Amino acid sequence: MKKILNDPKNFVPEMLDGLLKAHADQLSYAGGDVHCIVRADAPVQGKVALATGGGSGHLPVFLGYVGKGMLDGCAVGDVFQSPSAEQMLEVTRRIHGGKGVVYIYGNYGGDVMNFDMAAEMASMEDIEVRTVLVKDDVVSNKDPEKRRGVAGMVFAFKCAGAKADQGGSLDEVEAIARRALANIRTMGMALTPCIVPQVGKPTFTIGEDEMEMGMGIHGEPGISRESLKPANEIAERMLKTIREDLPTASGDRVAVMVNGLGATPPEELYIVYRRVHDLLTADGIKIHRAYVGEFATSMEMAGCSLTLFKLDDELAALLDYPARTPFFVQV
């Protein structure tokens, strides 16, 4: 294992310490736990607060989107592990500004259990919590309710965060998060595994000339292991699969995200985006915004994901709303 670190046991706390020292104007700890990250100006009184959480190893998700116009706090677990209910409760207490809290996070068993427990404990302290699960990984399950949450959650953070910043009620913020997610689909593919520092070996093995279509961000198996295909074919297959689940037609507006998983050069991501752009515009679909880069990674995994977000007027306006976090700036 070749990584720039000290003791693998300290990988996450040292990363968090460095991140908060680099962005002290935007982020702070909730209480004394380095795993509880909040906006530096939290709580924002009179505003619905938004919180997320999940395992480390996915930067910028999850904590990278804490800031003005997006999230108010994030509970951070160890690499690929859920944060505890107590950590999520501590974040909830710190960000609550009197109008309730909306949890938005990926549909993973450990997260669901711990976040539900945190919500129950928060209710005992008269903090109303609503939960919105992200389930955008289109190939992870035929049942939409059992799908994984992946890169599409960034769009949900953006729209819900904008609605909250505009003074939306708890009902309104929850509703817009759900409406956004109903119009978001993602599919990914991987070329290489990653190494969890405390494990010290690859999460899976794959041949030099192979790729895995549909792989999850923790190395969950995809839908097929096959020989590596050209970028155009990869883009076409991901887009076709997404559009079969999220129908789009001429005149529709979408936002497109081509996301790197940690070790894919941006040049390669733009080659994928080029083909997606050409296919959509040829069908008369307007691309309202394009996002190309790393938004939800898997340590040093090579590969990418494609997310399509079908927009209406309100969702487009919320997507355009200004935001500023350590990893996301929109003016």
C-alpha atoms as a PDB file:
ATOM      1  CA  MET A   1       0.000   0.000   0.000  1.00  0.00           C
ATOM      2  CA  LYS A   2       1.393   3.388  -1.052  1.00  0.00           C
ATOM      3  CA  LYS A   3      -0.411   6.303   0.558  1.00  0.00           C
ATOM      4  CA  ILE A   4       0.579   9.667   1.965  1.00  0.00           C
ATOM      5  CA  LEU A   5      -0.401   9.209   5.588  1.00  0.00           C
ATOM      6  CA  ASN A   6       0.941   8.653   9.087  1.00  0.00           C
ATOM      7  CA  ASP A   7      -0.714   5.933  11.153  1.00  0.00           C
ATOM      8  CA  PRO A   8      -3.679   4.424   9.195  1.00  0.00           C
ATOM      9  CA  LYS A   9      -5.705   4.516  12.423  1.00  0.00           C
ATOM     10  CA  ASN A  10      -5.462   8.314  12.382  1.00  0.00           C
ATOM     11  CA  PHE A  11      -6.300   8.745   8.710  1.00  0.00           C
ATOM     12  CA  VAL A  12      -9.778  10.215   9.202  1.00  0.00           C
ATOM     13  CA  PRO A  13      -9.180  12.495  12.222  1.00  0.00           C
ATOM     14  CA  GLU A  14      -5.982  13.869  10.697  1.00  0.00           C
ATOM     15  CA  MET A  15      -7.765  14.488   7.394  1.00  0.00           C
ATOM     16  CA  LEU A  16     -10.572  16.299   9.201  1.00  0.00           C
ATOM     17  CA  ASP A  17      -8.120  18.338  11.245  1.00  0.00           C
ATOM     18  CA  GLY A  18      -6.344  19.454   8.098  1.00  0.00           C
ATOM     19  CA  LEU A  19      -9.563  20.226   6.282  1.00  0.00           C
ATOM     20  CA  LEU A  20     -10.931  22.391   9.082  1.00  0.00           C
ATOM     21  CA  LYS A  21      -7.623  24.218   9.458  1.00  0.00           C
ATOM     22  CA  ALA A  22      -7.672  24.949   5.714  1.00  0.00           C
ATOM     23  CA  HIS A  23     -11.293  26.153   5.763  1.00  0.00           C
ATOM     24  CA  ALA A  24     -11.678  27.641   9.237  1.00  0.00           C
ATOM     25  CA  ASP A  25     -13.686  30.542   7.796  1.00  0.00           C
ATOM     26  CA  GLN A  26     -16.383  28.146   6.597  1.00  0.00           C
ATOM     27  CA  LEU A  27     -16.344  25.077   8.861  1.00  0.00           C
ATOM     28  CA  SER A  28     -16.259  24.236  12.554  1.00  0.00           C
ATOM     29  CA  TYR A  29     -16.618  21.238  14.856  1.00  0.00           C
ATOM     30  CA  ALA A  30     -19.820  20.539  16.758  1.00  0.00           C
ATOM     31  CA  GLY A  31     -18.740  20.006  20.345  1.00  0.00           C
ATOM     32  CA  GLY A  32     -15.407  18.287  20.773  1.00  0.00           C
ATOM     33  CA  ASP A  33     -15.871  15.506  18.228  1.00  0.00           C
ATOM     34  CA  VAL A  34     -13.857  15.936  15.033  1.00  0.00           C
ATOM     35  CA  HIS A  35     -16.381  13.729  13.233  1.00  0.00           C
ATOM     36  CA  CYS A  36     -19.113  16.369  13.661  1.00  0.00           C
ATOM     37  CA  ILE A  37     -18.723  19.131  11.060  1.00  0.00           C
ATOM     38  CA  VAL A  38     -20.949  22.234  10.849  1.00  0.00           C
ATOM     39  CA  ARG A  39     -21.015  25.613   9.145  1.00  0.00           C
ATOM     40  CA  ALA A  40     -18.835  28.115  10.957  1.00  0.00           C
ATOM     41  CA  ASP A  41     -21.894  30.340  11.465  1.00  0.00           C
ATOM     42  CA  ALA A  42     -24.200  27.545  12.707  1.00  0.00           C
ATOM     43  CA  PRO A  43     -26.897  27.646  13.830  1.00  0.00           C
ATOM     44  CA  VAL A  44     -28.588  29.983  11.359  1.00  0.00           C
ATOM     45  CA  GLN A  45     -31.626  31.143  13.284  1.00  0.00           C
ATOM     46  CA  GLY A  46     -34.976  31.027  11.515  1.00  0.00           C
ATOM     47  CA  LYS A  47     -33.772  28.737   8.713  1.00  0.00           C
ATOM     48  CA  VAL A  48     -34.507  25.072   8.143  1.00  0.00           C
ATOM     49  CA  ALA A  49     -31.231  23.223   8.685  1.00  0.00           C
ATOM     50  CA  LEU A  50     -29.936  20.473   6.419  1.00  0.00           C
ATOM     51  CA  ALA A  51     -27.693  17.645   7.561  1.00  0.00           C
ATOM     52  CA  THR A  52     -26.071  14.659   5.941  1.00  0.00           C
ATOM     53  CA  GLY A  53     -23.505  12.068   6.869  1.00  0.00           C
ATOM     54  CA  GLY A  54     -21.694   8.959   5.805  1.00  0.00           C
ATOM     55  CA  GLY A  55     -18.351   7.285   5.649  1.00  0.00           C
ATOM     56  CA  SER A  56     -15.098   9.008   4.743  1.00  0.00           C
ATOM     57  CA  GLY A  57     -13.350   8.180   1.503  1.00  0.00           C
ATOM     58  CA  HIS A  58     -15.797   9.955  -0.784  1.00  0.00           C
ATOM     59  CA  LEU A  59     -14.673  13.595  -0.769  1.00  0.00           C
ATOM     60  CA  PRO A  60     -16.196  15.981  -1.658  1.00  0.00           C
ATOM     61  CA  VAL A  61     -19.213  13.935  -0.472  1.00  0.00           C
ATOM     62  CA  PHE A  62     -20.316  14.323   2.223  1.00  0.00           C
ATOM     63  CA  LEU A  63     -18.756  17.068   4.300  1.00  0.00           C
ATOM     64  CA  GLY A  64     -17.489  19.035   1.313  1.00  0.00           C
ATOM     65  CA  TYR A  65     -20.963  20.452   0.738  1.00  0.00           C
ATOM     66  CA  VAL A  66     -21.380  22.061   4.155  1.00  0.00           C
ATOM     67  CA  GLY A  67     -21.719  25.795   3.651  1.00  0.00           C
ATOM     68  CA  LYS A  68     -23.952  28.680   2.599  1.00  0.00           C
ATOM     69  CA  GLY A  69     -26.684  27.669   0.183  1.00  0.00           C
ATOM     70  CA  MET A  70     -26.202  23.937   0.784  1.00  0.00           C
ATOM     71  CA  LEU A  71     -25.800  21.896   3.989  1.00  0.00           C
ATOM     72  CA  ASP A  72     -25.535  23.061   7.591  1.00  0.00           C
ATOM     73  CA  GLY A  73     -23.790  20.013   9.021  1.00  0.00           C
ATOM     74  CA  CYS A  74     -22.380  16.550   8.431  1.00  0.00           C
ATOM     75  CA  ALA A  75     -21.541  13.567  10.606  1.00  0.00           C
ATOM     76  CA  VAL A  76     -18.412  11.820   9.329  1.00  0.00           C
ATOM     77  CA  GLY A  77     -17.717   8.117   9.774  1.00  0.00           C
ATOM     78  CA  ASP A  78     -14.494   6.205   9.271  1.00  0.00           C
ATOM     79  CA  VAL A  79     -13.640   5.142   5.726  1.00  0.00           C
ATOM     80  CA  PHE A  80     -16.746   3.552   4.170  1.00  0.00           C
ATOM     81  CA  GLN A  81     -18.389   3.321   7.621  1.00  0.00           C
ATOM     82  CA  SER A  82     -21.457   5.034   9.011  1.00  0.00           C
ATOM     83  CA  PRO A  83     -21.152   7.765  11.645  1.00  0.00           C
ATOM     84  CA  SER A  84     -22.768   6.973  14.976  1.00  0.00           C
ATOM     85  CA  ALA A  85     -26.235   8.081  16.037  1.00  0.00           C
ATOM     86  CA  GLU A  86     -24.635  10.160  18.784  1.00  0.00           C
ATOM     87  CA  GLN A  87     -22.484  12.024  16.248  1.00  0.00           C
ATOM     88  CA  MET A  88     -25.482  12.748  14.075  1.00  0.00           C
ATOM     89  CA  LEU A  89     -27.428  13.960  17.100  1.00  0.00           C
ATOM     90  CA  GLU A  90     -24.584  16.297  18.038  1.00  0.00           C
ATOM     91  CA  VAL A  91     -24.625  17.789  14.525  1.00  0.00           C
ATOM     92  CA  THR A  92     -28.425  18.122  14.693  1.00  0.00           C
ATOM     93  CA  ARG A  93     -28.290  19.998  17.991  1.00  0.00           C
ATOM     94  CA  ARG A  94     -25.646  22.395  16.731  1.00  0.00           C
ATOM     95  CA  ILE A  95     -27.329  23.328  13.440  1.00  0.00           C
ATOM     96  CA  HIS A  96     -30.949  23.574  14.635  1.00  0.00           C
ATOM     97  CA  GLY A  97     -32.094  27.150  14.152  1.00  0.00           C
ATOM     98  CA  GLY A  98     -35.653  26.739  15.344  1.00  0.00           C
ATOM     99  CA  LYS A  99     -37.365  25.572  12.124  1.00  0.00           C
ATOM    100  CA  GLY A 100     -36.449  21.896  12.111  1.00  0.00           C
ATOM    101  CA  VAL A 101     -33.828  19.763  10.381  1.00  0.00           C
ATOM    102  CA  VAL A 102     -33.914  17.745   7.157  1.00  0.00           C
ATOM    103  CA  TYR A 103     -31.624  14.732   6.872  1.00  0.00           C
ATOM    104  CA  ILE A 104     -30.530  13.920   3.301  1.00  0.00           C
ATOM    105  CA  TYR A 105     -28.246  10.909   2.942  1.00  0.00           C
ATOM    106  CA  GLY A 106     -27.602   7.747   0.954  1.00  0.00           C
ATOM    107  CA  ASN A 107     -29.732   4.617   1.286  1.00  0.00           C
ATOM    108  CA  TYR A 108     -27.268   2.355   3.134  1.00  0.00           C
ATOM    109  CA  GLY A 109     -28.272   0.067   6.005  1.00  0.00           C
ATOM    110  CA  GLY A 110     -25.896   1.355   8.685  1.00  0.00           C
ATOM    111  CA  ASP A 111     -26.643   4.989   7.881  1.00  0.00           C
ATOM    112  CA  VAL A 112     -30.405   4.417   7.934  1.00  0.00           C
ATOM    113  CA  MET A 113     -30.264   2.693  11.323  1.00  0.00           C
ATOM    114  CA  ASN A 114     -28.062   5.323  12.972  1.00  0.00           C
ATOM    115  CA  PHE A 115     -29.781   8.338  11.447  1.00  0.00           C
ATOM    116  CA  ASP A 116     -33.227   7.035  12.415  1.00  0.00           C
ATOM    117  CA  MET A 117     -31.951   6.641  15.972  1.00  0.00           C
ATOM    118  CA  ALA A 118     -30.571  10.186  15.932  1.00  0.00           C
ATOM    119  CA  ALA A 119     -33.911  11.518  14.675  1.00  0.00           C
ATOM    120  CA  GLU A 120     -35.733   9.761  17.518  1.00  0.00           C
ATOM    121  CA  MET A 121     -33.335  11.209  20.097  1.00  0.00           C
ATOM    122  CA  ALA A 122     -33.676  14.669  18.546  1.00  0.00           C
ATOM    123  CA  SER A 123     -37.475  14.480  18.803  1.00  0.00           C
ATOM    124  CA  MET A 124     -37.103  13.931  22.558  1.00  0.00           C
ATOM    125  CA  GLU A 125     -35.354  17.319  22.621  1.00  0.00           C
ATOM    126  CA  ASP A 126     -38.189  18.945  20.640  1.00  0.00           C
ATOM    127  CA  ILE A 127     -36.190  19.096  17.407  1.00  0.00           C
ATOM    128  CA  GLU A 128     -38.339  18.043  14.451  1.00  0.00           C
ATOM    129  CA  VAL A 129     -36.418  15.978  11.897  1.00  0.00           C
ATOM    130  CA  ARG A 130     -37.490  14.895   8.410  1.00  0.00           C
ATOM    131  CA  THR A 131     -35.576  12.216   6.506  1.00  0.00           C
ATOM    132  CA  VAL A 132     -35.053  12.057   2.737  1.00  0.00           C
ATOM    133  CA  LEU A 133     -33.147   9.033   1.430  1.00  0.00           C
ATOM    134  CA  VAL A 134     -31.069   9.284  -1.740  1.00  0.00           C
ATOM    135  CA  LYS A 135     -31.650   6.330  -4.111  1.00  0.00           C
ATOM    136  CA  ASP A 136     -30.283   7.474  -7.473  1.00  0.00           C
ATOM    137  CA  ASP A 137     -28.065   4.494  -8.495  1.00  0.00           C
ATOM    138  CA  VAL A 138     -30.270   3.218 -11.290  1.00  0.00           C
ATOM    139  CA  VAL A 139     -28.678  -0.226 -11.721  1.00  0.00           C
ATOM    140  CA  SER A 140     -28.253  -1.155  -8.055  1.00  0.00           C
ATOM    141  CA  ASN A 141     -31.753  -2.617  -7.745  1.00  0.00           C
ATOM    142  CA  LYS A 142     -34.858  -3.029  -9.887  1.00  0.00           C
ATOM    143  CA  ASP A 143     -36.893  -1.724  -6.969  1.00  0.00           C
ATOM    144  CA  PRO A 144     -36.348   2.072  -6.824  1.00  0.00           C
ATOM    145  CA  GLU A 145     -36.887   2.029  -3.051  1.00  0.00           C
ATOM    146  CA  LYS A 146     -33.907  -0.296  -2.545  1.00  0.00           C
ATOM    147  CA  ARG A 147     -31.371   1.572  -4.667  1.00  0.00           C
ATOM    148  CA  ARG A 148     -28.109   3.050  -3.392  1.00  0.00           C
ATOM    149  CA  GLY A 149     -27.464   6.759  -3.049  1.00  0.00           C
ATOM    150  CA  VAL A 150     -24.490   8.036  -5.057  1.00  0.00           C
ATOM    151  CA  ALA A 151     -23.364  11.239  -6.806  1.00  0.00           C
ATOM    152  CA  GLY A 152     -26.874  12.487  -7.553  1.00  0.00           C
ATOM    153  CA  MET A 153     -27.231  13.464  -3.914  1.00  0.00           C
ATOM    154  CA  VAL A 154     -25.176  16.596  -4.673  1.00  0.00           C
ATOM    155  CA  PHE A 155     -28.053  17.957  -6.759  1.00  0.00           C
ATOM    156  CA  ALA A 156     -30.458  17.233  -3.891  1.00  0.00           C
ATOM    157  CA  PHE A 157     -28.163  19.073  -1.459  1.00  0.00           C
ATOM    158  CA  LYS A 158     -28.082  22.005  -3.878  1.00  0.00           C
ATOM    159  CA  CYS A 159     -31.831  22.352  -4.434  1.00  0.00           C
ATOM    160  CA  ALA A 160     -32.876  21.717  -0.840  1.00  0.00           C
ATOM    161  CA  GLY A 161     -30.135  24.018   0.429  1.00  0.00           C
ATOM    162  CA  ALA A 162     -31.291  26.813  -1.863  1.00  0.00           C
ATOM    163  CA  LYS A 163     -34.911  26.385  -0.771  1.00  0.00           C
ATOM    164  CA  ALA A 164     -33.887  26.545   2.885  1.00  0.00           C
ATOM    165  CA  ASP A 165     -31.717  29.612   2.259  1.00  0.00           C
ATOM    166  CA  GLN A 166     -34.697  31.328   0.627  1.00  0.00           C
ATOM    167  CA  GLY A 167     -36.742  30.839   3.804  1.00  0.00           C
ATOM    168  CA  GLY A 168     -38.676  27.713   2.852  1.00  0.00           C
ATOM    169  CA  SER A 169     -40.602  25.883   5.547  1.00  0.00           C
ATOM    170  CA  LEU A 170     -39.715  22.405   6.795  1.00  0.00           C
ATOM    171  CA  ASP A 171     -42.451  20.946   4.593  1.00  0.00           C
ATOM    172  CA  GLU A 172     -41.248  22.890   1.561  1.00  0.00           C
ATOM    173  CA  VAL A 173     -37.574  21.953   1.960  1.00  0.00           C
ATOM    174  CA  GLU A 174     -38.427  18.292   2.415  1.00  0.00           C
ATOM    175  CA  ALA A 175     -40.754  18.383  -0.598  1.00  0.00           C
ATOM    176  CA  ILE A 176     -38.193  19.981  -2.910  1.00  0.00           C
ATOM    177  CA  ALA A 177     -35.547  17.441  -1.885  1.00  0.00           C
ATOM    178  CA  ARG A 178     -37.956  14.624  -2.738  1.00  0.00           C
ATOM    179  CA  ARG A 179     -38.980  16.228  -6.034  1.00  0.00           C
ATOM    180  CA  ALA A 180     -35.370  16.716  -7.040  1.00  0.00           C
ATOM    181  CA  LEU A 181     -34.469  13.115  -6.248  1.00  0.00           C
ATOM    182  CA  ALA A 182     -37.475  11.815  -8.190  1.00  0.00           C
ATOM    183  CA  ASN A 183     -35.847  13.389 -11.249  1.00  0.00           C
ATOM    184  CA  ILE A 184     -32.256  12.231 -10.674  1.00  0.00           C
ATOM    185  CA  ARG A 185     -30.613   9.028 -11.910  1.00  0.00           C
ATOM    186  CA  THR A 186     -26.975   7.898 -11.802  1.00  0.00           C
ATOM    187  CA  MET A 187     -24.926   5.039 -13.226  1.00  0.00           C
ATOM    188  CA  GLY A 188     -21.227   4.367 -12.635  1.00  0.00           C
ATOM    189  CA  MET A 189     -18.393   2.213 -13.906  1.00  0.00           C
ATOM    190  CA  ALA A 190     -15.001   1.300 -12.447  1.00  0.00           C
ATOM    191  CA  LEU A 191     -11.580   0.458 -13.858  1.00  0.00           C
ATOM    192  CA  THR A 192      -9.599  -0.182 -10.669  1.00  0.00           C
ATOM    193  CA  PRO A 193     -10.210  -0.924  -6.979  1.00  0.00           C
ATOM    194  CA  CYS A 194      -9.288   1.320  -4.064  1.00  0.00           C
ATOM    195  CA  ILE A 195      -7.487   0.645  -0.788  1.00  0.00           C
ATOM    196  CA  VAL A 196      -9.007   1.415   2.603  1.00  0.00           C
ATOM    197  CA  PRO A 197      -6.058   2.620   4.743  1.00  0.00           C
ATOM    198  CA  GLN A 198      -6.768   0.425   7.773  1.00  0.00           C
ATOM    199  CA  VAL A 199      -7.262  -2.639   5.551  1.00  0.00           C
ATOM    200  CA  GLY A 200      -4.166  -2.093   3.444  1.00  0.00           C
ATOM    201  CA  LYS A 201      -5.222  -4.098   0.384  1.00  0.00           C
ATOM    202  CA  PRO A 202      -7.527  -3.540  -2.618  1.00  0.00           C
ATOM    203  CA  THR A 203     -11.258  -3.837  -2.044  1.00  0.00           C
ATOM    204  CA  PHE A 204     -11.563  -6.106  -5.114  1.00  0.00           C
ATOM    205  CA  THR A 205      -9.503  -7.271  -8.087  1.00  0.00           C
ATOM    206  CA  ILE A 206     -10.056  -6.503 -11.761  1.00  0.00           C
ATOM    207  CA  GLY A 207      -7.997  -7.276 -14.844  1.00  0.00           C
ATOM    208  CA  GLU A 208      -5.870  -4.662 -16.613  1.00  0.00           C
ATOM    209  CA  ASP A 209      -8.108  -4.897 -19.684  1.00  0.00           C
ATOM    210  CA  GLU A 210     -11.412  -5.086 -17.784  1.00  0.00           C
ATOM    211  CA  MET A 211     -14.066  -2.688 -16.538  1.00  0.00           C
ATOM    212  CA  GLU A 212     -17.085  -3.164 -14.298  1.00  0.00           C
ATOM    213  CA  MET A 213     -20.311  -1.492 -15.349  1.00  0.00           C
ATOM    214  CA  GLY A 214     -22.626  -0.419 -12.547  1.00  0.00           C
ATOM    215  CA  MET A 215     -20.162  -0.726  -9.668  1.00  0.00           C
ATOM    216  CA  GLY A 216     -21.037   1.121  -6.441  1.00  0.00           C
ATOM    217  CA  ILE A 217     -18.887   3.667  -4.631  1.00  0.00           C
ATOM    218  CA  HIS A 218     -17.802   1.144  -1.986  1.00  0.00           C
ATOM    219  CA  GLY A 219     -16.822  -1.472  -4.543  1.00  0.00           C
ATOM    220  CA  GLU A 220     -20.253  -3.112  -4.582  1.00  0.00           C
ATOM    221  CA  PRO A 221     -20.554  -5.456  -7.574  1.00  0.00           C
ATOM    222  CA  GLY A 222     -21.918  -3.982 -10.774  1.00  0.00           C
ATOM    223  CA  ILE A 223     -24.087  -5.545 -13.451  1.00  0.00           C
ATOM    224  CA  SER A 224     -21.278  -6.854 -15.695  1.00  0.00           C
ATOM    225  CA  ARG A 225     -17.515  -7.430 -15.736  1.00  0.00           C
ATOM    226  CA  GLU A 226     -16.256  -7.110 -19.306  1.00  0.00           C
ATOM    227  CA  SER A 227     -13.437  -5.981 -21.550  1.00  0.00           C
ATOM    228  CA  LEU A 228     -12.638  -2.269 -21.536  1.00  0.00           C
ATOM    229  CA  LYS A 229     -14.598  -0.345 -24.160  1.00  0.00           C
ATOM    230  CA  PRO A 230     -13.947   3.050 -25.820  1.00  0.00           C
ATOM    231  CA  ALA A 231     -15.152   6.168 -23.982  1.00  0.00           C
ATOM    232  CA  ASN A 232     -17.969   6.780 -26.474  1.00  0.00           C
ATOM    233  CA  GLU A 233     -19.425   3.321 -25.898  1.00  0.00           C
ATOM    234  CA  ILE A 234     -19.175   3.686 -22.119  1.00  0.00           C
ATOM    235  CA  ALA A 235     -20.977   7.042 -22.267  1.00  0.00           C
ATOM    236  CA  GLU A 236     -23.662   5.690 -24.594  1.00  0.00           C
ATOM    237  CA  ARG A 237     -24.413   2.703 -22.387  1.00  0.00           C
ATOM    238  CA  MET A 238     -24.653   4.721 -19.180  1.00  0.00           C
ATOM    239  CA  LEU A 239     -26.850   7.360 -20.779  1.00  0.00           C
ATOM    240  CA  LYS A 240     -29.121   4.774 -22.431  1.00  0.00           C
ATOM    241  CA  THR A 241     -29.604   2.918 -19.136  1.00  0.00           C
ATOM    242  CA  ILE A 242     -30.410   6.135 -17.282  1.00  0.00           C
ATOM    243  CA  ARG A 243     -32.859   7.361 -19.908  1.00  0.00           C
ATOM    244  CA  GLU A 244     -34.704   4.055 -19.886  1.00  0.00           C
ATOM    245  CA  ASP A 245     -35.468   4.715 -16.207  1.00  0.00           C
ATOM    246  CA  LEU A 246     -35.865   8.506 -16.481  1.00  0.00           C
ATOM    247  CA  PRO A 247     -37.567   9.216 -19.814  1.00  0.00           C
ATOM    248  CA  THR A 248     -36.452  12.411 -21.549  1.00  0.00           C
ATOM    249  CA  ALA A 249     -37.674  13.896 -24.812  1.00  0.00           C
ATOM    250  CA  SER A 250     -37.084  16.838 -27.104  1.00  0.00           C
ATOM    251  CA  GLY A 251     -37.680  20.109 -25.292  1.00  0.00           C
ATOM    252  CA  ASP A 252     -36.709  18.782 -21.851  1.00  0.00           C
ATOM    253  CA  ARG A 253     -34.049  20.510 -19.753  1.00  0.00           C
ATOM    254  CA  VAL A 254     -31.432  18.611 -17.779  1.00  0.00           C
ATOM    255  CA  ALA A 255     -28.327  19.091 -15.697  1.00  0.00           C
ATOM    256  CA  VAL A 256     -25.529  16.632 -16.409  1.00  0.00           C
ATOM    257  CA  MET A 257     -22.811  15.495 -14.021  1.00  0.00           C
ATOM    258  CA  VAL A 258     -19.823  13.438 -15.143  1.00  0.00           C
ATOM    259  CA  ASN A 259     -18.152  12.497 -11.889  1.00  0.00           C
ATOM    260  CA  GLY A 260     -14.670  11.062 -11.345  1.00  0.00           C
ATOM    261  CA  LEU A 261     -14.252   8.362  -8.702  1.00  0.00           C
ATOM    262  CA  GLY A 262     -10.876   9.545  -7.423  1.00  0.00           C
ATOM    263  CA  ALA A 263      -8.185   8.570  -9.921  1.00  0.00           C
ATOM    264  CA  THR A 264      -9.621   9.474 -13.317  1.00  0.00           C
ATOM    265  CA  PRO A 265      -7.965  12.452 -15.031  1.00  0.00           C
ATOM    266  CA  PRO A 266     -10.335  15.307 -15.894  1.00  0.00           C
ATOM    267  CA  GLU A 267      -9.334  14.950 -19.535  1.00  0.00           C
ATOM    268  CA  GLU A 268     -11.001  11.532 -19.620  1.00  0.00           C
ATOM    269  CA  LEU A 269     -14.131  12.860 -17.923  1.00  0.00           C
ATOM    270  CA  TYR A 270     -14.489  15.533 -20.590  1.00  0.00           C
ATOM    271  CA  ILE A 271     -14.258  12.897 -23.322  1.00  0.00           C
ATOM    272  CA  VAL A 272     -17.203  11.127 -21.683  1.00  0.00           C
ATOM    273  CA  TYR A 273     -19.088  14.407 -21.292  1.00  0.00           C
ATOM    274  CA  ARG A 274     -18.507  15.249 -24.972  1.00  0.00           C
ATOM    275  CA  ARG A 275     -20.387  12.139 -26.077  1.00  0.00           C
ATOM    276  CA  VAL A 276     -23.208  12.622 -23.553  1.00  0.00           C
ATOM    277  CA  HIS A 277     -23.628  16.237 -24.671  1.00  0.00           C
ATOM    278  CA  ASP A 278     -23.793  15.288 -28.341  1.00  0.00           C
ATOM    279  CA  LEU A 279     -26.334  12.510 -27.767  1.00  0.00           C
ATOM    280  CA  LEU A 280     -28.646  14.688 -25.671  1.00  0.00           C
ATOM    281  CA  THR A 281     -28.536  17.730 -27.926  1.00  0.00           C
ATOM    282  CA  ALA A 282     -29.138  15.546 -30.986  1.00  0.00           C
ATOM    283  CA  ASP A 283     -32.409  14.518 -29.336  1.00  0.00           C
ATOM    284  CA  GLY A 284     -33.412  18.133 -28.706  1.00  0.00           C
ATOM    285  CA  ILE A 285     -32.690  18.038 -24.970  1.00  0.00           C
ATOM    286  CA  LYS A 286     -31.296  21.276 -23.534  1.00  0.00           C
ATOM    287  CA  ILE A 287     -28.378  20.998 -21.108  1.00  0.00           C
ATOM    288  CA  HIS A 288     -29.056  23.691 -18.515  1.00  0.00           C
ATOM    289  CA  ARG A 289     -25.826  23.127 -16.580  1.00  0.00           C
ATOM    290  CA  ALA A 290     -22.886  20.749 -16.908  1.00  0.00           C
ATOM    291  CA  TYR A 291     -20.749  19.562 -13.988  1.00  0.00           C
ATOM    292  CA  VAL A 292     -17.530  17.725 -14.852  1.00  0.00           C
ATOM    293  CA  GLY A 293     -15.059  16.785 -12.117  1.00  0.00           C
ATOM    294  CA  GLU A 294     -14.909  14.972  -8.798  1.00  0.00           C
ATOM    295  CA  PHE A 295     -18.095  15.319  -6.743  1.00  0.00           C
ATOM    296  CA  ALA A 296     -18.427  11.889  -5.059  1.00  0.00           C
ATOM    297  CA  THR A 297     -15.329   9.699  -5.080  1.00  0.00           C
ATOM    298  CA  SER A 298     -14.223   6.308  -3.807  1.00  0.00           C
ATOM    299  CA  MET A 299     -10.711   6.898  -2.488  1.00  0.00           C
ATOM    300  CA  GLU A 300      -8.358   6.300  -5.456  1.00  0.00           C
ATOM    301  CA  MET A 301     -10.722   4.225  -7.590  1.00  0.00           C
ATOM    302  CA  ALA A 302     -10.478   4.869 -11.330  1.00  0.00           C
ATOM    303  CA  GLY A 303     -13.738   5.191 -13.190  1.00  0.00           C
ATOM    304  CA  CYS A 304     -16.639   7.584 -13.475  1.00  0.00           C
ATOM    305  CA  SER A 305     -20.358   8.004 -13.022  1.00  0.00           C
ATOM    306  CA  LEU A 306     -22.975   9.832 -15.032  1.00  0.00           C
ATOM    307  CA  THR A 307     -25.902  11.659 -13.426  1.00  0.00           C
ATOM    308  CA  LEU A 308     -28.886  13.120 -15.229  1.00  0.00           C
ATOM    309  CA  PHE A 309     -31.170  15.609 -13.462  1.00  0.00           C
ATOM    310  CA  LYS A 310     -34.431  16.421 -15.273  1.00  0.00           C
ATOM    311  CA  LEU A 311     -35.442  20.006 -14.484  1.00  0.00           C
ATOM    312  CA  ASP A 312     -38.576  22.093 -14.259  1.00  0.00           C
ATOM    313  CA  ASP A 313     -38.561  25.869 -13.785  1.00  0.00           C
ATOM    314  CA  GLU A 314     -38.338  25.757  -9.988  1.00  0.00           C
ATOM    315  CA  LEU A 315     -35.646  23.068  -9.859  1.00  0.00           C
ATOM    316  CA  ALA A 316     -33.593  24.956 -12.453  1.00  0.00           C
ATOM    317  CA  ALA A 317     -33.837  28.172 -10.428  1.00  0.00           C
ATOM    318  CA  LEU A 318     -32.802  26.380  -7.241  1.00  0.00           C
ATOM    319  CA  LEU A 319     -29.897  24.739  -9.030  1.00  0.00           C
ATOM    320  CA  ASP A 320     -28.776  28.193 -10.216  1.00  0.00           C
ATOM    321  CA  TYR A 321     -29.017  29.740  -6.731  1.00  0.00           C
ATOM    322  CA  PRO A 322     -25.657  30.904  -5.291  1.00  0.00           C
ATOM    323  CA  ALA A 323     -23.770  28.593  -2.942  1.00  0.00           C
ATOM    324  CA  ARG A 324     -20.369  28.539  -1.300  1.00  0.00           C
ATOM    325  CA  THR A 325     -18.731  25.555   0.396  1.00  0.00           C
ATOM    326  CA  PRO A 326     -15.098  24.422   0.537  1.00  0.00           C
ATOM    327  CA  PHE A 327     -15.643  22.196  -2.521  1.00  0.00           C
ATOM    328  CA  PHE A 328     -18.522  23.874  -4.365  1.00  0.00           C
ATOM    329  CA  VAL A 329     -18.847  27.528  -5.352  1.00  0.00           C
ATOM    330  CA  GLN A 330     -21.637  28.876  -7.536  1.00  0.00           C
ATOM    331  CA  VAL A 331     -22.265  32.575  -8.018  1.00  0.00           C
END
